[in-house]
Amino acid sequence: RRDGFRTRAQTVVDNVSLNIDHGETLGLVGESGSGKTTL
């Protein structure tokens, strides 16, 4: 991400671990910009 004359790293998803079992529904919830869609 450009920050003035510098380029910085913007972390969108940060060290996430989870599992989804066969036949279940895992609900992923959070506000816009929380990283859900990127994950």
Full PDB file with SEQRES, HELIX, SHEET, SSBOND, CRYST1, ORIGX, SCALE, CONECT and MASTER records, all heavy atoms in Angstrom:
SEQRES   1 A   39  ARG ARG ASP GLY PHE ARG THR ARG ALA GLN THR VAL VAL          
SEQRES   2 A   39  ASP ASN VAL SER LEU ASN ILE ASP HIS GLY GLU THR LEU          
SEQRES   3 A   39  GLY LEU VAL GLY GLU SER GLY SER GLY LYS THR THR LEU          
SHEET    1 AA1 2 ARG A   2  ASP A   3  0                                        
SHEET    2 AA1 2 ARG A   6  THR A   7 -1                                        
CRYST1    1.000    1.000    1.000  90.00  90.00  90.00 P 1           1          
ORIGX1      1.000000  0.000000  0.000000        0.00000                         
ORIGX2      0.000000  1.000000  0.000000        0.00000                         
ORIGX3      0.000000  0.000000  1.000000        0.00000                         
SCALE1      1.000000  0.000000  0.000000        0.00000                         
SCALE2      0.000000  1.000000  0.000000        0.00000                         
SCALE3      0.000000  0.000000  1.000000        0.00000                         
ATOM      1  N   ARG A   1       0.851  -1.196   0.000  1.00  0.00           N  
ATOM      2  CA  ARG A   1       0.000   0.000   0.000  1.00  0.00           C  
ATOM      3  C   ARG A   1       0.879   1.237   0.000  1.00  0.00           C  
ATOM      4  O   ARG A   1       1.817   1.343   0.798  1.00  0.00           O  
ATOM      5  CB  ARG A   1      -0.906  -0.002   1.237  1.00  0.00           C  
ATOM      6  CG  ARG A   1      -1.836   1.201   1.335  1.00  0.00           C  
ATOM      7  CD  ARG A   1      -2.773   1.060   2.520  1.00  0.00           C  
ATOM      8  NE  ARG A   1      -2.069   1.040   3.786  1.00  0.00           N  
ATOM      9  CZ  ARG A   1      -1.733   2.134   4.486  1.00  0.00           C  
ATOM     10  NH1 ARG A   1      -2.046   3.337   4.020  1.00  0.00           N  
ATOM     11  NH2 ARG A   1      -1.088   2.018   5.630  1.00  0.00           N  
ATOM     12  N   ARG A   2       0.563   2.148  -0.913  1.00  0.00           N  
ATOM     13  CA  ARG A   2       1.324   3.388  -0.994  1.00  0.00           C  
ATOM     14  C   ARG A   2       0.966   4.300   0.167  1.00  0.00           C  
ATOM     15  O   ARG A   2      -0.193   4.525   0.487  1.00  0.00           O  
ATOM     16  CB  ARG A   2       1.033   4.105  -2.309  1.00  0.00           C  
ATOM     17  CG  ARG A   2       1.531   3.391  -3.547  1.00  0.00           C  
ATOM     18  CD  ARG A   2       3.046   3.423  -3.671  1.00  0.00           C  
ATOM     19  NE  ARG A   2       3.577   4.776  -3.801  1.00  0.00           N  
ATOM     20  CZ  ARG A   2       4.871   5.056  -3.830  1.00  0.00           C  
ATOM     21  NH1 ARG A   2       5.771   4.093  -3.703  1.00  0.00           N  
ATOM     22  NH2 ARG A   2       5.272   6.298  -3.969  1.00  0.00           N  
ATOM     23  N   ASP A   3       1.998   4.798   0.850  1.00  0.00           N  
ATOM     24  CA  ASP A   3       1.819   5.741   1.955  1.00  0.00           C  
ATOM     25  C   ASP A   3       2.771   6.902   1.697  1.00  0.00           C  
ATOM     26  O   ASP A   3       3.916   6.894   2.131  1.00  0.00           O  
ATOM     27  CB  ASP A   3       2.113   5.041   3.284  1.00  0.00           C  
ATOM     28  CG  ASP A   3       1.853   5.958   4.476  1.00  0.00           C  
ATOM     29  OD1 ASP A   3       1.321   7.071   4.268  1.00  0.00           O  
ATOM     30  OD2 ASP A   3       2.207   5.572   5.602  1.00  0.00           O  
ATOM     31  N   GLY A   4       2.266   7.893   0.930  1.00  0.00           N  
ATOM     32  CA  GLY A   4       3.135   8.986   0.517  1.00  0.00           C  
ATOM     33  C   GLY A   4       4.162   8.471  -0.483  1.00  0.00           C  
ATOM     34  O   GLY A   4       3.819   7.913  -1.523  1.00  0.00           O  
ATOM     35  N   PHE A   5       5.442   8.622  -0.131  1.00  0.00           N  
ATOM     36  CA  PHE A   5       6.513   8.149  -1.013  1.00  0.00           C  
ATOM     37  C   PHE A   5       6.942   6.728  -0.677  1.00  0.00           C  
ATOM     38  O   PHE A   5       7.822   6.168  -1.320  1.00  0.00           O  
ATOM     39  CB  PHE A   5       7.729   9.097  -0.921  1.00  0.00           C  
ATOM     40  CG  PHE A   5       7.444  10.460  -1.478  1.00  0.00           C  
ATOM     41  CD1 PHE A   5       7.224  11.532  -0.633  1.00  0.00           C  
ATOM     42  CD2 PHE A   5       7.386  10.671  -2.847  1.00  0.00           C  
ATOM     43  CE1 PHE A   5       6.959  12.791  -1.141  1.00  0.00           C  
ATOM     44  CE2 PHE A   5       7.125  11.926  -3.366  1.00  0.00           C  
ATOM     45  CZ  PHE A   5       6.904  12.989  -2.516  1.00  0.00           C  
ATOM     46  N   ARG A   6       6.330   6.136   0.344  1.00  0.00           N  
ATOM     47  CA  ARG A   6       6.727   4.804   0.781  1.00  0.00           C  
ATOM     48  C   ARG A   6       5.661   3.777   0.421  1.00  0.00           C  
ATOM     49  O   ARG A   6       4.490   4.097   0.251  1.00  0.00           O  
ATOM     50  CB  ARG A   6       6.954   4.782   2.300  1.00  0.00           C  
ATOM     51  CG  ARG A   6       8.090   5.677   2.780  1.00  0.00           C  
ATOM     52  CD  ARG A   6       8.237   5.563   4.283  1.00  0.00           C  
ATOM     53  NE  ARG A   6       9.326   6.381   4.782  1.00  0.00           N  
ATOM     54  CZ  ARG A   6       9.669   6.457   6.072  1.00  0.00           C  
ATOM     55  NH1 ARG A   6       8.973   5.763   6.967  1.00  0.00           N  
ATOM     56  NH2 ARG A   6      10.685   7.223   6.450  1.00  0.00           N  
ATOM     57  N   THR A   7       6.114   2.544   0.320  1.00  0.00           N  
ATOM     58  CA  THR A   7       5.186   1.425   0.148  1.00  0.00           C  
ATOM     59  C   THR A   7       5.225   0.582   1.406  1.00  0.00           C  
ATOM     60  O   THR A   7       6.297   0.108   1.816  1.00  0.00           O  
ATOM     61  CB  THR A   7       5.577   0.555  -1.068  1.00  0.00           C  
ATOM     62  OG1 THR A   7       5.532   1.365  -2.239  1.00  0.00           O  
ATOM     63  CG2 THR A   7       4.604  -0.606  -1.228  1.00  0.00           C  
ATOM     64  N   ARG A   8       4.082   0.430   2.024  1.00  0.00           N  
ATOM     65  CA  ARG A   8       3.983  -0.356   3.259  1.00  0.00           C  
ATOM     66  C   ARG A   8       3.142  -1.602   3.013  1.00  0.00           C  
ATOM     67  O   ARG A   8       2.337  -1.646   2.090  1.00  0.00           O  
ATOM     68  CB  ARG A   8       3.362   0.474   4.384  1.00  0.00           C  
ATOM     69  CG  ARG A   8       4.133   1.743   4.731  1.00  0.00           C  
ATOM     70  CD  ARG A   8       3.437   2.496   5.856  1.00  0.00           C  
ATOM     71  NE  ARG A   8       4.090   3.746   6.158  1.00  0.00           N  
ATOM     72  CZ  ARG A   8       5.111   3.873   7.011  1.00  0.00           C  
ATOM     73  NH1 ARG A   8       5.580   2.787   7.626  1.00  0.00           N  
ATOM     74  NH2 ARG A   8       5.658   5.051   7.236  1.00  0.00           N  
ATOM     75  N   ALA A   9       3.336  -2.589   3.858  1.00  0.00           N  
ATOM     76  CA  ALA A   9       2.550  -3.817   3.776  1.00  0.00           C  
ATOM     77  C   ALA A   9       1.274  -3.661   4.599  1.00  0.00           C  
ATOM     78  O   ALA A   9       1.337  -3.290   5.773  1.00  0.00           O  
ATOM     79  CB  ALA A   9       3.356  -5.006   4.288  1.00  0.00           C  
ATOM     80  N   GLN A  10       0.139  -3.896   3.959  1.00  0.00           N  
ATOM     81  CA  GLN A  10      -1.137  -3.857   4.660  1.00  0.00           C  
ATOM     82  C   GLN A  10      -1.631  -5.294   4.852  1.00  0.00           C  
ATOM     83  O   GLN A  10      -1.839  -6.023   3.882  1.00  0.00           O  
ATOM     84  CB  GLN A  10      -2.173  -3.057   3.875  1.00  0.00           C  
ATOM     85  CG  GLN A  10      -3.543  -3.011   4.552  1.00  0.00           C  
ATOM     86  CD  GLN A  10      -4.548  -2.205   3.761  1.00  0.00           C  
ATOM     87  OE1 GLN A  10      -4.293  -1.829   2.622  1.00  0.00           O  
ATOM     88  NE2 GLN A  10      -5.705  -1.949   4.350  1.00  0.00           N  
ATOM     89  N   THR A  11      -1.809  -5.700   6.091  1.00  0.00           N  
ATOM     90  CA  THR A  11      -2.259  -7.053   6.399  1.00  0.00           C  
ATOM     91  C   THR A  11      -3.781  -7.090   6.402  1.00  0.00           C  
ATOM     92  O   THR A  11      -4.425  -6.383   7.184  1.00  0.00           O  
ATOM     93  CB  THR A  11      -1.715  -7.522   7.759  1.00  0.00           C  
ATOM     94  OG1 THR A  11      -0.282  -7.495   7.712  1.00  0.00           O  
ATOM     95  CG2 THR A  11      -2.185  -8.930   8.070  1.00  0.00           C  
ATOM     96  N   VAL A  12      -4.344  -7.902   5.518  1.00  0.00           N  
ATOM     97  CA  VAL A  12      -5.797  -8.012   5.389  1.00  0.00           C  
ATOM     98  C   VAL A  12      -6.325  -9.218   6.163  1.00  0.00           C  
ATOM     99  O   VAL A  12      -7.406  -9.170   6.754  1.00  0.00           O  
ATOM    100  CB  VAL A  12      -6.188  -8.108   3.896  1.00  0.00           C  
ATOM    101  CG1 VAL A  12      -7.694  -8.194   3.730  1.00  0.00           C  
ATOM    102  CG2 VAL A  12      -5.653  -6.911   3.128  1.00  0.00           C  
ATOM    103  N   VAL A  13      -5.567 -10.303   6.128  1.00  0.00           N  
ATOM    104  CA  VAL A  13      -5.871 -11.491   6.931  1.00  0.00           C  
ATOM    105  C   VAL A  13      -4.615 -11.810   7.732  1.00  0.00           C  
ATOM    106  O   VAL A  13      -3.517 -11.900   7.170  1.00  0.00           O  
ATOM    107  CB  VAL A  13      -6.273 -12.689   6.049  1.00  0.00           C  
ATOM    108  CG1 VAL A  13      -6.448 -13.951   6.888  1.00  0.00           C  
ATOM    109  CG2 VAL A  13      -7.551 -12.369   5.284  1.00  0.00           C  
ATOM    110  N   ASP A  14      -4.778 -11.994   9.036  1.00  0.00           N  
ATOM    111  CA  ASP A  14      -3.630 -12.065   9.932  1.00  0.00           C  
ATOM    112  C   ASP A  14      -3.633 -13.359  10.747  1.00  0.00           C  
ATOM    113  O   ASP A  14      -4.351 -13.485  11.741  1.00  0.00           O  
ATOM    114  CB  ASP A  14      -3.652 -10.850  10.865  1.00  0.00           C  
ATOM    115  CG  ASP A  14      -2.389 -10.723  11.710  1.00  0.00           C  
ATOM    116  OD1 ASP A  14      -1.468 -11.537  11.530  1.00  0.00           O  
ATOM    117  OD2 ASP A  14      -2.336  -9.801  12.545  1.00  0.00           O  
ATOM    118  N   ASN A  15      -2.854 -14.355  10.276  1.00  0.00           N  
ATOM    119  CA  ASN A  15      -2.589 -15.575  11.045  1.00  0.00           C  
ATOM    120  C   ASN A  15      -3.882 -16.292  11.469  1.00  0.00           C  
ATOM    121  O   ASN A  15      -4.086 -16.616  12.636  1.00  0.00           O  
ATOM    122  CB  ASN A  15      -1.741 -15.242  12.280  1.00  0.00           C  
ATOM    123  CG  ASN A  15      -1.112 -16.475  12.898  1.00  0.00           C  
ATOM    124  OD1 ASN A  15      -0.713 -17.400  12.191  1.00  0.00           O  
ATOM    125  ND2 ASN A  15      -1.044 -16.499  14.215  1.00  0.00           N  
ATOM    126  N   VAL A  16      -4.734 -16.573  10.500  1.00  0.00           N  
ATOM    127  CA  VAL A  16      -6.028 -17.208  10.775  1.00  0.00           C  
ATOM    128  C   VAL A  16      -5.916 -18.723  10.613  1.00  0.00           C  
ATOM    129  O   VAL A  16      -5.381 -19.218   9.620  1.00  0.00           O  
ATOM    130  CB  VAL A  16      -7.120 -16.665   9.825  1.00  0.00           C  
ATOM    131  CG1 VAL A  16      -8.392 -17.507   9.915  1.00  0.00           C  
ATOM    132  CG2 VAL A  16      -7.422 -15.210  10.163  1.00  0.00           C  
ATOM    133  N   SER A  17      -6.425 -19.442  11.599  1.00  0.00           N  
ATOM    134  CA  SER A  17      -6.517 -20.900  11.543  1.00  0.00           C  
ATOM    135  C   SER A  17      -7.946 -21.316  11.874  1.00  0.00           C  
ATOM    136  O   SER A  17      -8.514 -20.839  12.860  1.00  0.00           O  
ATOM    137  CB  SER A  17      -5.556 -21.554  12.543  1.00  0.00           C  
ATOM    138  OG  SER A  17      -4.210 -21.291  12.221  1.00  0.00           O  
ATOM    139  N   LEU A  18      -8.506 -22.177  11.037  1.00  0.00           N  
ATOM    140  CA  LEU A  18      -9.843 -22.713  11.298  1.00  0.00           C  
ATOM    141  C   LEU A  18     -10.048 -23.963  10.455  1.00  0.00           C  
ATOM    142  O   LEU A  18      -9.270 -24.253   9.547  1.00  0.00           O  
ATOM    143  CB  LEU A  18     -10.941 -21.676  11.011  1.00  0.00           C  
ATOM    144  CG  LEU A  18     -10.999 -21.017   9.622  1.00  0.00           C  
ATOM    145  CD1 LEU A  18     -11.694 -21.910   8.591  1.00  0.00           C  
ATOM    146  CD2 LEU A  18     -11.732 -19.684   9.709  1.00  0.00           C  
ATOM    147  N   ASN A  19     -11.082 -24.704  10.749  1.00  0.00           N  
ATOM    148  CA  ASN A  19     -11.436 -25.884   9.953  1.00  0.00           C  
ATOM    149  C   ASN A  19     -12.937 -25.914   9.723  1.00  0.00           C  
ATOM    150  O   ASN A  19     -13.719 -25.327  10.489  1.00  0.00           O  
ATOM    151  CB  ASN A  19     -10.984 -27.171  10.646  1.00  0.00           C  
ATOM    152  CG  ASN A  19     -11.738 -27.408  11.946  1.00  0.00           C  
ATOM    153  OD1 ASN A  19     -11.531 -26.699  12.937  1.00  0.00           O  
ATOM    154  ND2 ASN A  19     -12.607 -28.401  11.951  1.00  0.00           N  
ATOM    155  N   ILE A  20     -13.331 -26.584   8.649  1.00  0.00           N  
ATOM    156  CA  ILE A  20     -14.742 -26.782   8.337  1.00  0.00           C  
ATOM    157  C   ILE A  20     -14.945 -28.284   8.142  1.00  0.00           C  
ATOM    158  O   ILE A  20     -14.331 -28.890   7.263  1.00  0.00           O  
ATOM    159  CB  ILE A  20     -15.184 -26.019   7.072  1.00  0.00           C  
ATOM    160  CG1 ILE A  20     -14.747 -24.547   7.143  1.00  0.00           C  
ATOM    161  CG2 ILE A  20     -16.696 -26.119   6.887  1.00  0.00           C  
ATOM    162  CD1 ILE A  20     -15.022 -23.758   5.869  1.00  0.00           C  
ATOM    163  N   ASP A  21     -15.789 -28.870   8.966  1.00  0.00           N  
ATOM    164  CA  ASP A  21     -16.013 -30.305   8.904  1.00  0.00           C  
ATOM    165  C   ASP A  21     -17.016 -30.672   7.820  1.00  0.00           C  
ATOM    166  O   ASP A  21     -17.842 -29.842   7.402  1.00  0.00           O  
ATOM    167  CB  ASP A  21     -16.509 -30.822  10.258  1.00  0.00           C  
ATOM    168  CG  ASP A  21     -15.435 -30.729  11.339  1.00  0.00           C  
ATOM    169  OD1 ASP A  21     -14.239 -30.789  10.978  1.00  0.00           O  
ATOM    170  OD2 ASP A  21     -15.790 -30.586  12.519  1.00  0.00           O  
ATOM    171  N   HIS A  22     -16.969 -31.911   7.370  1.00  0.00           N  
ATOM    172  CA  HIS A  22     -17.885 -32.402   6.346  1.00  0.00           C  
ATOM    173  C   HIS A  22     -19.332 -32.232   6.810  1.00  0.00           C  
ATOM    174  O   HIS A  22     -19.700 -32.646   7.912  1.00  0.00           O  
ATOM    175  CB  HIS A  22     -17.617 -33.882   6.060  1.00  0.00           C  
ATOM    176  CG  HIS A  22     -16.264 -34.150   5.487  1.00  0.00           C  
ATOM    177  ND1 HIS A  22     -16.024 -34.217   4.128  1.00  0.00           N  
ATOM    178  CD2 HIS A  22     -15.054 -34.346   6.081  1.00  0.00           C  
ATOM    179  CE1 HIS A  22     -14.740 -34.458   3.916  1.00  0.00           C  
ATOM    180  NE2 HIS A  22     -14.130 -34.548   5.079  1.00  0.00           N  
ATOM    181  N   GLY A  23     -20.149 -31.598   5.965  1.00  0.00           N  
ATOM    182  CA  GLY A  23     -21.575 -31.490   6.226  1.00  0.00           C  
ATOM    183  C   GLY A  23     -21.998 -30.392   7.176  1.00  0.00           C  
ATOM    184  O   GLY A  23     -23.189 -30.204   7.422  1.00  0.00           O  
ATOM    185  N   GLU A  24     -21.074 -29.620   7.698  1.00  0.00           N  
ATOM    186  CA  GLU A  24     -21.447 -28.553   8.622  1.00  0.00           C  
ATOM    187  C   GLU A  24     -21.502 -27.202   7.912  1.00  0.00           C  
ATOM    188  O   GLU A  24     -21.069 -27.062   6.761  1.00  0.00           O  
ATOM    189  CB  GLU A  24     -20.474 -28.485   9.800  1.00  0.00           C  
ATOM    190  CG  GLU A  24     -19.175 -27.745   9.524  1.00  0.00           C  
ATOM    191  CD  GLU A  24     -18.469 -27.273  10.789  1.00  0.00           C  
ATOM    192  OE1 GLU A  24     -19.121 -27.086  11.838  1.00  0.00           O  
ATOM    193  OE2 GLU A  24     -17.238 -27.073  10.723  1.00  0.00           O  
ATOM    194  N   THR A  25     -22.026 -26.220   8.608  1.00  0.00           N  
ATOM    195  CA  THR A  25     -21.965 -24.832   8.156  1.00  0.00           C  
ATOM    196  C   THR A  25     -21.128 -24.049   9.145  1.00  0.00           C  
ATOM    197  O   THR A  25     -21.472 -23.968  10.331  1.00  0.00           O  
ATOM    198  CB  THR A  25     -23.355 -24.194   8.063  1.00  0.00           C  
ATOM    199  OG1 THR A  25     -24.141 -24.894   7.096  1.00  0.00           O  
ATOM    200  CG2 THR A  25     -23.255 -22.732   7.647  1.00  0.00           C  
ATOM    201  N   LEU A  26     -20.019 -23.494   8.661  1.00  0.00           N  
ATOM    202  CA  LEU A  26     -19.248 -22.571   9.482  1.00  0.00           C  
ATOM    203  C   LEU A  26     -19.668 -21.165   9.096  1.00  0.00           C  
ATOM    204  O   LEU A  26     -19.541 -20.762   7.936  1.00  0.00           O  
ATOM    205  CB  LEU A  26     -17.748 -22.751   9.255  1.00  0.00           C  
ATOM    206  CG  LEU A  26     -16.875 -21.777  10.064  1.00  0.00           C  
ATOM    207  CD1 LEU A  26     -16.960 -22.081  11.559  1.00  0.00           C  
ATOM    208  CD2 LEU A  26     -15.418 -21.807   9.598  1.00  0.00           C  
ATOM    209  N   GLY A  27     -20.186 -20.426  10.034  1.00  0.00           N  
ATOM    210  CA  GLY A  27     -20.544 -19.039   9.810  1.00  0.00           C  
ATOM    211  C   GLY A  27     -19.340 -18.148  10.070  1.00  0.00           C  
ATOM    212  O   GLY A  27     -18.694 -18.252  11.118  1.00  0.00           O  
ATOM    213  N   LEU A  28     -19.018 -17.289   9.114  1.00  0.00           N  
ATOM    214  CA  LEU A  28     -17.904 -16.351   9.240  1.00  0.00           C  
ATOM    215  C   LEU A  28     -18.497 -14.950   9.285  1.00  0.00           C  
ATOM    216  O   LEU A  28     -19.098 -14.493   8.302  1.00  0.00           O  
ATOM    217  CB  LEU A  28     -16.948 -16.515   8.064  1.00  0.00           C  
ATOM    218  CG  LEU A  28     -15.629 -15.736   8.105  1.00  0.00           C  
ATOM    219  CD1 LEU A  28     -14.796 -16.131   9.328  1.00  0.00           C  
ATOM    220  CD2 LEU A  28     -14.834 -15.960   6.825  1.00  0.00           C  
ATOM    221  N   VAL A  29     -18.355 -14.304  10.420  1.00  0.00           N  
ATOM    222  CA  VAL A  29     -19.056 -13.045  10.627  1.00  0.00           C  
ATOM    223  C   VAL A  29     -18.077 -11.949  11.027  1.00  0.00           C  
ATOM    224  O   VAL A  29     -17.060 -12.202  11.667  1.00  0.00           O  
ATOM    225  CB  VAL A  29     -20.171 -13.216  11.694  1.00  0.00           C  
ATOM    226  CG1 VAL A  29     -19.583 -13.545  13.053  1.00  0.00           C  
ATOM    227  CG2 VAL A  29     -21.079 -11.998  11.774  1.00  0.00           C  
ATOM    228  N   GLY A  30     -18.410 -10.735  10.610  1.00  0.00           N  
ATOM    229  CA  GLY A  30     -17.586  -9.574  10.935  1.00  0.00           C  
ATOM    230  C   GLY A  30     -18.025  -8.396  10.092  1.00  0.00           C  
ATOM    231  O   GLY A  30     -18.743  -8.546   9.107  1.00  0.00           O  
ATOM    232  N   GLU A  31     -17.576  -7.218  10.471  1.00  0.00           N  
ATOM    233  CA  GLU A  31     -17.921  -6.008   9.729  1.00  0.00           C  
ATOM    234  C   GLU A  31     -17.223  -5.983   8.369  1.00  0.00           C  
ATOM    235  O   GLU A  31     -16.283  -6.745   8.129  1.00  0.00           O  
ATOM    236  CB  GLU A  31     -17.522  -4.772  10.538  1.00  0.00           C  
ATOM    237  CG  GLU A  31     -18.266  -4.621  11.855  1.00  0.00           C  
ATOM    238  CD  GLU A  31     -17.731  -3.479  12.692  1.00  0.00           C  
ATOM    239  OE1 GLU A  31     -16.502  -3.399  12.866  1.00  0.00           O  
ATOM    240  OE2 GLU A  31     -18.543  -2.668  13.158  1.00  0.00           O  
ATOM    241  N   SER A  32     -17.675  -5.094   7.498  1.00  0.00           N  
ATOM    242  CA  SER A  32     -16.997  -4.902   6.213  1.00  0.00           C  
ATOM    243  C   SER A  32     -15.542  -4.521   6.463  1.00  0.00           C  
ATOM    244  O   SER A  32     -15.244  -3.701   7.341  1.00  0.00           O  
ATOM    245  CB  SER A  32     -17.683  -3.795   5.410  1.00  0.00           C  
ATOM    246  OG  SER A  32     -19.003  -4.154   5.092  1.00  0.00           O  
ATOM    247  N   GLY A  33     -14.637  -5.133   5.705  1.00  0.00           N  
ATOM    248  CA  GLY A  33     -13.227  -4.856   5.874  1.00  0.00           C  
ATOM    249  C   GLY A  33     -12.529  -5.718   6.909  1.00  0.00           C  
ATOM    250  O   GLY A  33     -11.337  -5.531   7.177  1.00  0.00           O  
ATOM    251  N   SER A  34     -13.255  -6.691   7.464  1.00  0.00           N  
ATOM    252  CA  SER A  34     -12.655  -7.533   8.502  1.00  0.00           C  
ATOM    253  C   SER A  34     -11.802  -8.661   7.936  1.00  0.00           C  
ATOM    254  O   SER A  34     -11.111  -9.357   8.688  1.00  0.00           O  
ATOM    255  CB  SER A  34     -13.744  -8.122   9.408  1.00  0.00           C  
ATOM    256  OG  SER A  34     -14.640  -8.925   8.667  1.00  0.00           O  
ATOM    257  N   GLY A  35     -11.851  -8.871   6.608  1.00  0.00           N  
ATOM    258  CA  GLY A  35     -11.021  -9.893   5.987  1.00  0.00           C  
ATOM    259  C   GLY A  35     -11.770 -11.141   5.576  1.00  0.00           C  
ATOM    260  O   GLY A  35     -11.172 -12.096   5.059  1.00  0.00           O  
ATOM    261  N   LYS A  36     -13.089 -11.146   5.743  1.00  0.00           N  
ATOM    262  CA  LYS A  36     -13.887 -12.344   5.463  1.00  0.00           C  
ATOM    263  C   LYS A  36     -13.787 -12.768   4.000  1.00  0.00           C  
ATOM    264  O   LYS A  36     -13.539 -13.942   3.695  1.00  0.00           O  
ATOM    265  CB  LYS A  36     -15.373 -12.096   5.816  1.00  0.00           C  
ATOM    266  CG  LYS A  36     -15.641 -11.594   7.211  1.00  0.00           C  
ATOM    267  CD  LYS A  36     -17.130 -11.504   7.504  1.00  0.00           C  
ATOM    268  CE  LYS A  36     -17.925 -10.640   6.542  1.00  0.00           C  
ATOM    269  NZ  LYS A  36     -17.528  -9.216   6.588  1.00  0.00           N  
ATOM    270  N   THR A  37     -14.017 -11.827   3.101  1.00  0.00           N  
ATOM    271  CA  THR A  37     -14.028 -12.166   1.673  1.00  0.00           C  
ATOM    272  C   THR A  37     -12.638 -12.557   1.184  1.00  0.00           C  
ATOM    273  O   THR A  37     -12.500 -13.482   0.371  1.00  0.00           O  
ATOM    274  CB  THR A  37     -14.579 -10.984   0.858  1.00  0.00           C  
ATOM    275  OG1 THR A  37     -15.957 -10.784   1.197  1.00  0.00           O  
ATOM    276  CG2 THR A  37     -14.484 -11.261  -0.637  1.00  0.00           C  
ATOM    277  N   THR A  38     -11.605 -11.901   1.663  1.00  0.00           N  
ATOM    278  CA  THR A  38     -10.242 -12.271   1.266  1.00  0.00           C  
ATOM    279  C   THR A  38      -9.926 -13.690   1.709  1.00  0.00           C  
ATOM    280  O   THR A  38      -9.340 -14.483   0.949  1.00  0.00           O  
ATOM    281  CB  THR A  38      -9.219 -11.295   1.869  1.00  0.00           C  
ATOM    282  OG1 THR A  38      -9.490  -9.973   1.379  1.00  0.00           O  
ATOM    283  CG2 THR A  38      -7.797 -11.683   1.488  1.00  0.00           C  
ATOM    284  N   LEU A  39     -10.329 -14.050   2.913  1.00  0.00           N  
ATOM    285  CA  LEU A  39     -10.124 -15.418   3.384  1.00  0.00           C  
ATOM    286  C   LEU A  39     -10.879 -16.409   2.496  1.00  0.00           C  
ATOM    287  O   LEU A  39     -10.331 -17.458   2.113  1.00  0.00           O  
ATOM    288  CB  LEU A  39     -10.589 -15.550   4.836  1.00  0.00           C  
ATOM    289  CG  LEU A  39     -10.458 -16.949   5.461  1.00  0.00           C  
ATOM    290  CD1 LEU A  39      -9.007 -17.412   5.454  1.00  0.00           C  
ATOM    291  CD2 LEU A  39     -11.019 -16.953   6.882  1.00  0.00           C  
TER     292      LEU A  39                                                      
MASTER        0    0    0    0    2    0    0    6  291    1    0    3          
END                                                                             
